C-alpha atoms as a PDB file:
ATOM      1  CA  UNK A   1       0.000   0.000   0.000  1.00  0.00           C
ATOM      2  CA  UNK A   2       1.281   3.486  -0.854  1.00  0.00           C
ATOM      3  CA  UNK A   3       1.938   6.074   1.842  1.00  0.00           C
ATOM      4  CA  UNK A   4      -1.176   7.937   0.665  1.00  0.00           C
ATOM      5  CA  UNK A   5      -3.237   4.753   0.971  1.00  0.00           C
ATOM      6  CA  UNK A   6      -1.860   4.053   4.430  1.00  0.00           C
ATOM      7  CA  UNK A   7      -2.558   7.617   5.583  1.00  0.00           C
ATOM      8  CA  UNK A   8      -6.126   7.489   4.276  1.00  0.00           C
ATOM      9  CA  UNK A   9      -6.770   4.057   5.770  1.00  0.00           C
ATOM     10  CA  UNK A  10      -5.480   5.306   9.128  1.00  0.00           C
ATOM     11  CA  UNK A  11      -7.934   8.225   9.004  1.00  0.00           C
ATOM     12  CA  UNK A  12     -10.802   5.870   8.144  1.00  0.00           C
ATOM     13  CA  UNK A  13      -9.829   3.559  11.018  1.00  0.00           C
ATOM     14  CA  UNK A  14      -9.578   6.480  13.464  1.00  0.00           C
ATOM     15  CA  UNK A  15     -13.080   7.597  12.436  1.00  0.00           C
ATOM     16  CA  UNK A  16     -14.413   4.050  12.705  1.00  0.00           C
ATOM     17  CA  UNK A  17     -13.027   3.845  16.244  1.00  0.00           C
ATOM     18  CA  UNK A  18     -14.476   7.211  17.248  1.00  0.00           C
ATOM     19  CA  UNK A  19     -17.927   6.020  16.151  1.00  0.00           C
ATOM     20  CA  UNK A  20     -17.592   2.646  17.877  1.00  0.00           C
ATOM     21  CA  UNK A  21     -19.013   1.776  21.343  1.00  0.00           C
ATOM     22  CA  UNK A  22     -15.479   2.259  22.716  1.00  0.00           C
ATOM     23  CA  UNK A  23     -15.156   5.627  20.992  1.00  0.00           C
ATOM     24  CA  UNK A  24     -16.311   9.198  21.602  1.00  0.00           C
ATOM     25  CA  UNK A  25     -19.892   9.895  22.817  1.00  0.00           C
ATOM     26  CA  UNK A  26     -20.056  13.129  20.782  1.00  0.00           C
ATOM     27  CA  UNK A  27     -18.914  11.461  17.560  1.00  0.00           C
ATOM     28  CA  UNK A  28     -21.414   8.633  18.062  1.00  0.00           C
ATOM     29  CA  UNK A  29     -24.275  11.123  18.439  1.00  0.00           C
ATOM     30  CA  UNK A  30     -23.636  12.892  15.138  1.00  0.00           C
ATOM     31  CA  UNK A  31     -25.957  12.474  12.162  1.00  0.00           C
ATOM     32  CA  UNK A  32     -25.709  13.342   8.499  1.00  0.00           C
ATOM     33  CA  UNK A  33     -27.823  16.405   9.224  1.00  0.00           C
ATOM     34  CA  UNK A  34     -25.825  17.575  12.244  1.00  0.00           C
ATOM     35  CA  UNK A  35     -22.579  17.456  10.267  1.00  0.00           C
ATOM     36  CA  UNK A  36     -23.689  19.745   7.432  1.00  0.00           C
ATOM     37  CA  UNK A  37     -22.687  22.857   9.367  1.00  0.00           C
ATOM     38  CA  UNK A  38     -19.167  21.509   9.918  1.00  0.00           C
ATOM     39  CA  UNK A  39     -18.781  20.525   6.256  1.00  0.00           C
ATOM     40  CA  UNK A  40     -19.601  24.072   5.148  1.00  0.00           C
ATOM     41  CA  UNK A  41     -17.396  25.586   7.847  1.00  0.00           C
ATOM     42  CA  UNK A  42     -14.378  23.480   6.842  1.00  0.00           C
ATOM     43  CA  UNK A  43     -14.873  24.338   3.166  1.00  0.00           C
ATOM     44  CA  UNK A  44     -14.829  28.045   3.996  1.00  0.00           C
ATOM     45  CA  UNK A  45     -11.700  27.605   6.120  1.00  0.00           C
ATOM     46  CA  UNK A  46      -9.919  25.931   3.185  1.00  0.00           C
ATOM     47  CA  UNK A  47     -10.823  28.892   0.959  1.00  0.00           C
ATOM     48  CA  UNK A  48      -9.709  31.348   3.633  1.00  0.00           C
ATOM     49  CA  UNK A  49      -6.295  29.678   3.946  1.00  0.00           C
ATOM     50  CA  UNK A  50      -5.844  29.788   0.163  1.00  0.00           C
ATOM     51  CA  UNK A  51      -6.745  33.464  -0.032  1.00  0.00           C
ATOM     52  CA  UNK A  52      -4.380  34.300   2.846  1.00  0.00           C
ATOM     53  CA  UNK A  53      -1.603  32.314   1.179  1.00  0.00           C
ATOM     54  CA  UNK A  54      -1.012  30.391   4.420  1.00  0.00           C
ATOM     55  CA  UNK A  55       0.229  27.004   3.211  1.00  0.00           C
ATOM     56  CA  UNK A  56       0.798  25.576   6.692  1.00  0.00           C
ATOM     57  CA  UNK A  57      -2.802  26.373   7.564  1.00  0.00           C
ATOM     58  CA  UNK A  58      -3.971  25.073   4.189  1.00  0.00           C
ATOM     59  CA  UNK A  59      -2.294  21.702   4.815  1.00  0.00           C
ATOM     60  CA  UNK A  60      -4.266  21.355   8.042  1.00  0.00           C
ATOM     61  CA  UNK A  61      -7.530  22.661   6.591  1.00  0.00           C
ATOM     62  CA  UNK A  62      -7.400  20.238   3.654  1.00  0.00           C
ATOM     63  CA  UNK A  63      -7.007  17.422   6.182  1.00  0.00           C
ATOM     64  CA  UNK A  64     -10.002  18.695   8.152  1.00  0.00           C
ATOM     65  CA  UNK A  65     -12.039  18.953   4.942  1.00  0.00           C
ATOM     66  CA  UNK A  66     -11.211  15.367   3.940  1.00  0.00           C
ATOM     67  CA  UNK A  67     -11.992  14.253   7.487  1.00  0.00           C
ATOM     68  CA  UNK A  68     -15.531  15.652   7.219  1.00  0.00           C
ATOM     69  CA  UNK A  69     -16.094  13.489   4.133  1.00  0.00           C
ATOM     70  CA  UNK A  70     -14.799  10.424   5.954  1.00  0.00           C
ATOM     71  CA  UNK A  71     -17.018  11.282   8.946  1.00  0.00           C
ATOM     72  CA  UNK A  72     -20.109  11.505   6.717  1.00  0.00           C
ATOM     73  CA  UNK A  73     -19.241   8.228   4.995  1.00  0.00           C
ATOM     74  CA  UNK A  74     -18.817   6.460   8.353  1.00  0.00           C
ATOM     75  CA  UNK A  75     -22.220   7.697   9.528  1.00  0.00           C
ATOM     76  CA  UNK A  76     -23.690   6.416   6.249  1.00  0.00           C
ATOM     77  CA  UNK A  77     -21.912   3.063   6.754  1.00  0.00           C
ATOM     78  CA  UNK A  78     -23.302   2.788  10.272  1.00  0.00           C
ATOM     79  CA  UNK A  79     -26.778   3.283   8.773  1.00  0.00           C
ATOM     80  CA  UNK A  80     -26.115   0.548   6.212  1.00  0.00           C
ATOM     81  CA  UNK A  81     -26.281   2.980   3.291  1.00  0.00           C
ATOM     82  CA  UNK A  82     -22.785   2.914   1.744  1.00  0.00           C
ATOM     83  CA  UNK A  83     -19.104   3.000   2.714  1.00  0.00           C
ATOM     84  CA  UNK A  84     -16.280   5.433   2.066  1.00  0.00           C
ATOM     85  CA  UNK A  85     -14.958   2.878  -0.460  1.00  0.00           C
ATOM     86  CA  UNK A  86     -18.219   3.245  -2.401  1.00  0.00           C
ATOM     87  CA  UNK A  87     -17.843   7.024  -2.421  1.00  0.00           C
ATOM     88  CA  UNK A  88     -14.234   6.835  -3.644  1.00  0.00           C
ATOM     89  CA  UNK A  89     -15.078   4.351  -6.403  1.00  0.00           C
ATOM     90  CA  UNK A  90     -18.019   6.501  -7.489  1.00  0.00           C
ATOM     91  CA  UNK A  91     -15.968   9.670  -7.854  1.00  0.00           C
ATOM     92  CA  UNK A  92     -13.057   7.862  -9.544  1.00  0.00           C
ATOM     93  CA  UNK A  93     -15.400   6.232 -12.070  1.00  0.00           C
ATOM     94  CA  UNK A  94     -17.079   9.581 -12.721  1.00  0.00           C
ATOM     95  CA  UNK A  95     -13.776  11.360 -13.297  1.00  0.00           C
ATOM     96  CA  UNK A  96     -12.664   8.720 -15.798  1.00  0.00           C
ATOM     97  CA  UNK A  97     -16.063   8.717 -17.528  1.00  0.00           C
ATOM     98  CA  UNK A  98     -16.210  12.502 -17.889  1.00  0.00           C
ATOM     99  CA  UNK A  99     -12.639  12.817 -19.163  1.00  0.00           C
ATOM    100  CA  UNK A 100     -12.747  10.854 -22.438  1.00  0.00           C
ATOM    101  CA  UNK A 101     -10.111  13.292 -23.693  1.00  0.00           C
ATOM    102  CA  UNK A 102      -7.744  11.878 -21.044  1.00  0.00           C
ATOM    103  CA  UNK A 103      -8.864   8.275 -20.480  1.00  0.00           C
ATOM    104  CA  UNK A 104      -9.720   5.565 -22.998  1.00  0.00           C
ATOM    105  CA  UNK A 105     -12.711   3.306 -22.382  1.00  0.00           C
ATOM    106  CA  UNK A 106     -10.471   0.695 -20.761  1.00  0.00           C
ATOM    107  CA  UNK A 107      -9.037   3.296 -18.382  1.00  0.00           C
ATOM    108  CA  UNK A 108      -5.703   3.716 -20.123  1.00  0.00           C
ATOM    109  CA  UNK A 109      -4.499   7.266 -20.755  1.00  0.00           C
ATOM    110  CA  UNK A 110      -4.462   8.672 -24.292  1.00  0.00           C
ATOM    111  CA  UNK A 111      -0.969   9.419 -25.556  1.00  0.00           C
ATOM    112  CA  UNK A 112       0.028  13.081 -25.927  1.00  0.00           C
ATOM    113  CA  UNK A 113      -0.524  13.087 -29.719  1.00  0.00           C
ATOM    114  CA  UNK A 114      -3.989  11.530 -29.610  1.00  0.00           C
ATOM    115  CA  UNK A 115      -6.689  13.421 -31.503  1.00  0.00           C
ATOM    116  CA  UNK A 116      -9.038  12.520 -28.660  1.00  0.00           C
ATOM    117  CA  UNK A 117      -7.290  14.926 -26.286  1.00  0.00           C
ATOM    118  CA  UNK A 118      -9.010  18.249 -25.604  1.00  0.00           C
ATOM    119  CA  UNK A 119      -7.195  21.160 -27.313  1.00  0.00           C
ATOM    120  CA  UNK A 120      -7.973  23.654 -24.528  1.00  0.00           C
ATOM    121  CA  UNK A 121      -9.439  24.088 -21.048  1.00  0.00           C
ATOM    122  CA  UNK A 122     -12.600  25.531 -22.641  1.00  0.00           C
ATOM    123  CA  UNK A 123     -13.015  22.453 -24.847  1.00  0.00           C
ATOM    124  CA  UNK A 124     -12.453  20.146 -21.879  1.00  0.00           C
ATOM    125  CA  UNK A 125     -15.076  21.991 -19.802  1.00  0.00           C
ATOM    126  CA  UNK A 126     -17.564  21.921 -22.686  1.00  0.00           C
ATOM    127  CA  UNK A 127     -17.088  18.152 -23.022  1.00  0.00           C
ATOM    128  CA  UNK A 128     -17.504  17.661 -19.267  1.00  0.00           C
ATOM    129  CA  UNK A 129     -20.741  19.685 -19.242  1.00  0.00           C
ATOM    130  CA  UNK A 130     -22.087  17.832 -22.283  1.00  0.00           C
ATOM    131  CA  UNK A 131     -21.425  14.461 -20.681  1.00  0.00           C
ATOM    132  CA  UNK A 132     -22.954  15.631 -17.400  1.00  0.00           C
ATOM    133  CA  UNK A 133     -26.081  16.795 -19.245  1.00  0.00           C
ATOM    134  CA  UNK A 134     -26.256  13.493 -21.138  1.00  0.00           C
ATOM    135  CA  UNK A 135     -26.040  11.547 -17.883  1.00  0.00           C
ATOM    136  CA  UNK A 136     -28.992  13.517 -16.520  1.00  0.00           C
ATOM    137  CA  UNK A 137     -30.932  12.747 -19.710  1.00  0.00           C
ATOM    138  CA  UNK A 138     -30.085   9.037 -19.621  1.00  0.00           C
ATOM    139  CA  UNK A 139     -31.103   8.476 -16.013  1.00  0.00           C
ATOM    140  CA  UNK A 140     -34.347   6.585 -15.568  1.00  0.00           C
ATOM    141  CA  UNK A 141     -35.452   9.090 -12.939  1.00  0.00           C
ATOM    142  CA  UNK A 142     -36.088  12.464 -14.559  1.00  0.00           C
ATOM    143  CA  UNK A 143     -34.260  15.389 -12.966  1.00  0.00           C
ATOM    144  CA  UNK A 144     -35.339  18.965 -13.642  1.00  0.00           C
ATOM    145  CA  UNK A 145     -32.836  21.531 -14.906  1.00  0.00           C
ATOM    146  CA  UNK A 146     -32.496  23.087 -11.441  1.00  0.00           C
ATOM    147  CA  UNK A 147     -33.170  19.948  -9.442  1.00  0.00           C
ATOM    148  CA  UNK A 148     -29.513  19.259  -8.665  1.00  0.00           C
ATOM    149  CA  UNK A 149     -28.485  22.794  -7.663  1.00  0.00           C
ATOM    150  CA  UNK A 150     -27.728  22.333  -3.926  1.00  0.00           C
ATOM    151  CA  UNK A 151     -30.036  24.294  -1.633  1.00  0.00           C
ATOM    152  CA  UNK A 152     -27.331  24.433   1.022  1.00  0.00           C
ATOM    153  CA  UNK A 153     -25.070  26.721  -1.019  1.00  0.00           C
ATOM    154  CA  UNK A 154     -24.605  30.329   0.083  1.00  0.00           C
ATOM    155  CA  UNK A 155     -27.500  32.202  -1.538  1.00  0.00           C
ATOM    156  CA  UNK A 156     -25.381  34.411  -3.791  1.00  0.00           C
ATOM    157  CA  UNK A 157     -23.444  31.421  -5.108  1.00  0.00           C
ATOM    158  CA  UNK A 158     -26.662  29.471  -5.582  1.00  0.00           C
ATOM    159  CA  UNK A 159     -28.142  32.361  -7.608  1.00  0.00           C
ATOM    160  CA  UNK A 160     -25.001  32.286  -9.773  1.00  0.00           C
ATOM    161  CA  UNK A 161     -25.304  28.529 -10.331  1.00  0.00           C
ATOM    162  CA  UNK A 162     -29.044  28.751 -11.038  1.00  0.00           C
ATOM    163  CA  UNK A 163     -28.340  31.366 -13.705  1.00  0.00           C
ATOM    164  CA  UNK A 164     -25.552  29.253 -15.145  1.00  0.00           C
ATOM    165  CA  UNK A 165     -27.754  26.171 -15.274  1.00  0.00           C
ATOM    166  CA  UNK A 166     -30.691  27.848 -17.031  1.00  0.00           C
ATOM    167  CA  UNK A 167     -28.313  29.628 -19.407  1.00  0.00           C
ATOM    168  CA  UNK A 168     -27.159  26.156 -20.444  1.00  0.00           C
ATOM    169  CA  UNK A 169     -30.603  25.481 -21.914  1.00  0.00           C
ATOM    170  CA  UNK A 170     -30.769  28.910 -23.599  1.00  0.00           C
ATOM    171  CA  UNK A 171     -32.702  30.893 -20.976  1.00  0.00           C
ATOM    172  CA  UNK A 172     -30.402  33.891 -20.669  1.00  0.00           C
ATOM    173  CA  UNK A 173     -29.887  37.532 -21.609  1.00  0.00           C
ATOM    174  CA  UNK A 174     -28.027  37.820 -24.935  1.00  0.00           C
ATOM    175  CA  UNK A 175     -25.598  40.489 -23.672  1.00  0.00           C
ATOM    176  CA  UNK A 176     -24.245  41.978 -20.440  1.00  0.00           C
ATOM    177  CA  UNK A 177     -25.822  45.302 -21.429  1.00  0.00           C
ATOM    178  CA  UNK A 178     -29.268  43.790 -21.028  1.00  0.00           C
ATOM    179  CA  UNK A 179     -28.390  42.421 -17.600  1.00  0.00           C
ATOM    180  CA  UNK A 180     -27.228  45.895 -16.541  1.00  0.00           C
ATOM    181  CA  UNK A 181     -30.598  47.163 -17.753  1.00  0.00           C
ATOM    182  CA  UNK A 182     -32.314  44.545 -15.588  1.00  0.00           C
ATOM    183  CA  UNK A 183     -30.281  45.662 -12.567  1.00  0.00           C
ATOM    184  CA  UNK A 184     -31.292  49.285 -13.181  1.00  0.00           C
ATOM    185  CA  UNK A 185     -34.919  48.143 -13.444  1.00  0.00           C
ATOM    186  CA  UNK A 186     -34.675  46.296 -10.112  1.00  0.00           C
ATOM    187  CA  UNK A 187     -33.038  49.322  -8.440  1.00  0.00           C
ATOM    188  CA  UNK A 188     -35.903  51.486  -9.689  1.00  0.00           C
ATOM    189  CA  UNK A 189     -38.478  49.030  -8.334  1.00  0.00           C
ATOM    190  CA  UNK A 190     -36.755  48.944  -4.953  1.00  0.00           C
ATOM    191  CA  UNK A 191     -36.595  52.735  -4.855  1.00  0.00           C
ATOM    192  CA  UNK A 192     -40.289  52.923  -5.767  1.00  0.00           C
ATOM    193  CA  UNK A 193     -41.167  50.498  -2.973  1.00  0.00           C
ATOM    194  CA  UNK A 194     -39.166  52.470  -0.409  1.00  0.00           C
ATOM    195  CA  UNK A 195     -40.834  55.728  -1.518  1.00  0.00           C
ATOM    196  CA  UNK A 196     -44.395  54.407  -1.737  1.00  0.00           C
ATOM    197  CA  UNK A 197     -44.391  51.791   1.049  1.00  0.00           C
ATOM    198  CA  UNK A 198     -41.500  52.566   3.434  1.00  0.00           C
ATOM    199  CA  UNK A 199     -42.937  50.315   6.148  1.00  0.00           C
ATOM    200  CA  UNK A 200     -43.568  47.321   3.846  1.00  0.00           C
ATOM    201  CA  UNK A 201     -40.552  45.211   4.852  1.00  0.00           C
ATOM    202  CA  UNK A 202     -41.760  42.112   3.014  1.00  0.00           C
ATOM    203  CA  UNK A 203     -42.030  43.959  -0.302  1.00  0.00           C
ATOM    204  CA  UNK A 204     -38.634  45.607   0.194  1.00  0.00           C
ATOM    205  CA  UNK A 205     -37.111  42.197   0.945  1.00  0.00           C
ATOM    206  CA  UNK A 206     -38.587  40.768  -2.247  1.00  0.00           C
ATOM    207  CA  UNK A 207     -37.271  43.630  -4.366  1.00  0.00           C
ATOM    208  CA  UNK A 208     -33.843  43.406  -2.733  1.00  0.00           C
ATOM    209  CA  UNK A 209     -33.756  39.684  -3.520  1.00  0.00           C
ATOM    210  CA  UNK A 210     -34.588  40.376  -7.173  1.00  0.00           C
ATOM    211  CA  UNK A 211     -31.793  42.959  -7.299  1.00  0.00           C
ATOM    212  CA  UNK A 212     -29.219  40.591  -5.797  1.00  0.00           C
ATOM    213  CA  UNK A 213     -30.272  37.827  -8.189  1.00  0.00           C
ATOM    214  CA  UNK A 214     -29.802  40.182 -11.145  1.00  0.00           C
ATOM    215  CA  UNK A 215     -26.361  41.176  -9.820  1.00  0.00           C
ATOM    216  CA  UNK A 216     -25.408  37.487  -9.601  1.00  0.00           C
ATOM    217  CA  UNK A 217     -26.477  37.137 -13.230  1.00  0.00           C
ATOM    218  CA  UNK A 218     -24.250  40.035 -14.270  1.00  0.00           C
ATOM    219  CA  UNK A 219     -21.347  38.403 -12.408  1.00  0.00           C
ATOM    220  CA  UNK A 220     -21.927  35.216 -14.378  1.00  0.00           C
ATOM    221  CA  UNK A 221     -22.043  37.067 -17.699  1.00  0.00           C
ATOM    222  CA  UNK A 222     -18.746  38.768 -16.806  1.00  0.00           C
ATOM    223  CA  UNK A 223     -17.142  35.461 -15.830  1.00  0.00           C
ATOM    224  CA  UNK A 224     -16.845  36.540 -12.187  1.00  0.00           C
ATOM    225  CA  UNK A 225     -17.802  34.180  -9.372  1.00  0.00           C
ATOM    226  CA  UNK A 226     -19.865  36.510  -7.121  1.00  0.00           C
ATOM    227  CA  UNK A 227     -19.142  34.780  -3.806  1.00  0.00           C
ATOM    228  CA  UNK A 228     -15.411  35.269  -4.365  1.00  0.00           C
ATOM    229  CA  UNK A 229     -15.878  38.872  -5.495  1.00  0.00           C
ATOM    230  CA  UNK A 230     -17.986  39.702  -2.439  1.00  0.00           C
ATOM    231  CA  UNK A 231     -15.560  37.947  -0.113  1.00  0.00           C
ATOM    232  CA  UNK A 232     -12.724  40.105  -1.473  1.00  0.00           C
ATOM    233  CA  UNK A 233     -14.871  43.228  -1.106  1.00  0.00           C
ATOM    234  CA  UNK A 234     -15.623  42.260   2.500  1.00  0.00           C
ATOM    235  CA  UNK A 235     -11.910  41.841   3.190  1.00  0.00           C
ATOM    236  CA  UNK A 236     -11.059  45.166   1.564  1.00  0.00           C
ATOM    237  CA  UNK A 237     -13.731  46.977   3.581  1.00  0.00           C
ATOM    238  CA  UNK A 238     -12.612  45.277   6.803  1.00  0.00           C
ATOM    239  CA  UNK A 239      -8.969  46.282   6.303  1.00  0.00           C
ATOM    240  CA  UNK A 240      -9.909  49.906   5.569  1.00  0.00           C
ATOM    241  CA  UNK A 241     -12.275  50.110   8.514  1.00  0.00           C
ATOM    242  CA  UNK A 242      -9.678  48.602  10.869  1.00  0.00           C
ATOM    243  CA  UNK A 243      -7.122  51.112   9.576  1.00  0.00           C
ATOM    244  CA  UNK A 244      -9.552  53.972  10.111  1.00  0.00           C
ATOM    245  CA  UNK A 245     -10.227  52.814  13.665  1.00  0.00           C
ATOM    246  CA  UNK A 246      -6.480  52.566  14.371  1.00  0.00           C
ATOM    247  CA  UNK A 247      -5.859  56.023  12.909  1.00  0.00           C
ATOM    248  CA  UNK A 248      -8.511  57.545  15.151  1.00  0.00           C
ATOM    249  CA  UNK A 249      -7.103  55.811  18.233  1.00  0.00           C
ATOM    250  CA  UNK A 250      -3.566  56.975  17.427  1.00  0.00           C
ATOM    251  CA  UNK A 251      -4.849  60.547  17.374  1.00  0.00           C
ATOM    252  CA  UNK A 252      -6.599  60.102  20.726  1.00  0.00           C
ATOM    253  CA  UNK A 253     -10.090  59.859  19.286  1.00  0.00           C
ATOM    254  CA  UNK A 254     -12.755  57.136  19.123  1.00  0.00           C
ATOM    255  CA  UNK A 255     -15.189  56.344  16.341  1.00  0.00           C
ATOM    256  CA  UNK A 256     -18.123  56.455  18.729  1.00  0.00           C
ATOM    257  CA  UNK A 257     -17.503  60.129  19.494  1.00  0.00           C
ATOM    258  CA  UNK A 258     -16.724  61.199  15.932  1.00  0.00           C
ATOM    259  CA  UNK A 259     -18.998  62.603  13.267  1.00  0.00           C
ATOM    260  CA  UNK A 260     -19.817  60.861  10.015  1.00  0.00           C
ATOM    261  CA  UNK A 261     -18.036  63.665   8.164  1.00  0.00           C
ATOM    262  CA  UNK A 262     -14.835  63.027  10.138  1.00  0.00           C
ATOM    263  CA  UNK A 263     -15.009  59.308   9.454  1.00  0.00           C
ATOM    264  CA  UNK A 264     -15.706  59.883   5.747  1.00  0.00           C
ATOM    265  CA  UNK A 265     -12.715  62.212   5.510  1.00  0.00           C
ATOM    266  CA  UNK A 266     -10.400  59.646   7.111  1.00  0.00           C
ATOM    267  CA  UNK A 267     -11.847  56.902   4.898  1.00  0.00           C
ATOM    268  CA  UNK A 268     -11.015  58.947   1.804  1.00  0.00           C
ATOM    269  CA  UNK A 269      -7.455  59.544   3.069  1.00  0.00           C
ATOM    270  CA  UNK A 270      -6.976  55.787   3.496  1.00  0.00           C
ATOM    271  CA  UNK A 271      -8.299  55.140  -0.010  1.00  0.00           C
ATOM    272  CA  UNK A 272      -5.968  57.781  -1.466  1.00  0.00           C
ATOM    273  CA  UNK A 273      -3.001  56.333   0.424  1.00  0.00           C
ATOM    274  CA  UNK A 274      -3.750  52.944  -1.107  1.00  0.00           C
ATOM    275  CA  UNK A 275      -4.109  54.509  -4.581  1.00  0.00           C
ATOM    276  CA  UNK A 276      -7.554  52.987  -4.833  1.00  0.00           C
ATOM    277  CA  UNK A 277     -10.246  54.529  -7.058  1.00  0.00           C
ATOM    278  CA  UNK A 278     -13.113  52.968  -5.099  1.00  0.00           C
END
């Protein structure tokens, strides 16, 4: 067995022990449903480590992320549903099946000169998506176009994926200009609601949702993943705000006792110092 195989088998055995009668009471109590929060949390921590460029942290976070998959598979095994081996075989078979430009039908790899190889990343992705769509068509149980978009995704990312999925069947704006027009329309409707019914929170929420959905669609048309873009905007805002707070404290002041005009002025100085136009 390879070192990778030994390391993975050790993790599986550790998890099996934790779930056993001789193991940990907390681990034994967990269910598929109770673990969903931890799966999402670990995924976000992996992304955070990547964006911070912290490779030591990333090494640990990848391990934690893999562990959550092993944990889920062990719970499923305890319920008699499937094992981690089943999950690994399923994903390996899928990867081979959806990469005909890499693997031959017998699993061997095409040689570098083979005409079957994809000429570009775009061609490879198009082939993957076509095979994925064909698999959905071939299944005996009909699945709707949006039926496999996970409901547990962050809402902005889910809006992006919904738009991407329906665009795949031709339901999309022809150009980005038309999406911008839709955003302007949604802004106008939200403004109208706030002017005409300022106390109607439900209507304002609905209009805000429509606006955010349209913004996610513009992100998709521009080739920008909105969750990543918003995460970077959050980080930029946080750094500027922290700097503003530090600047005030260094001058013997506090934000709580300052005016909005004073804070705006300091904010603009920080932006100028960073040579940022926004």
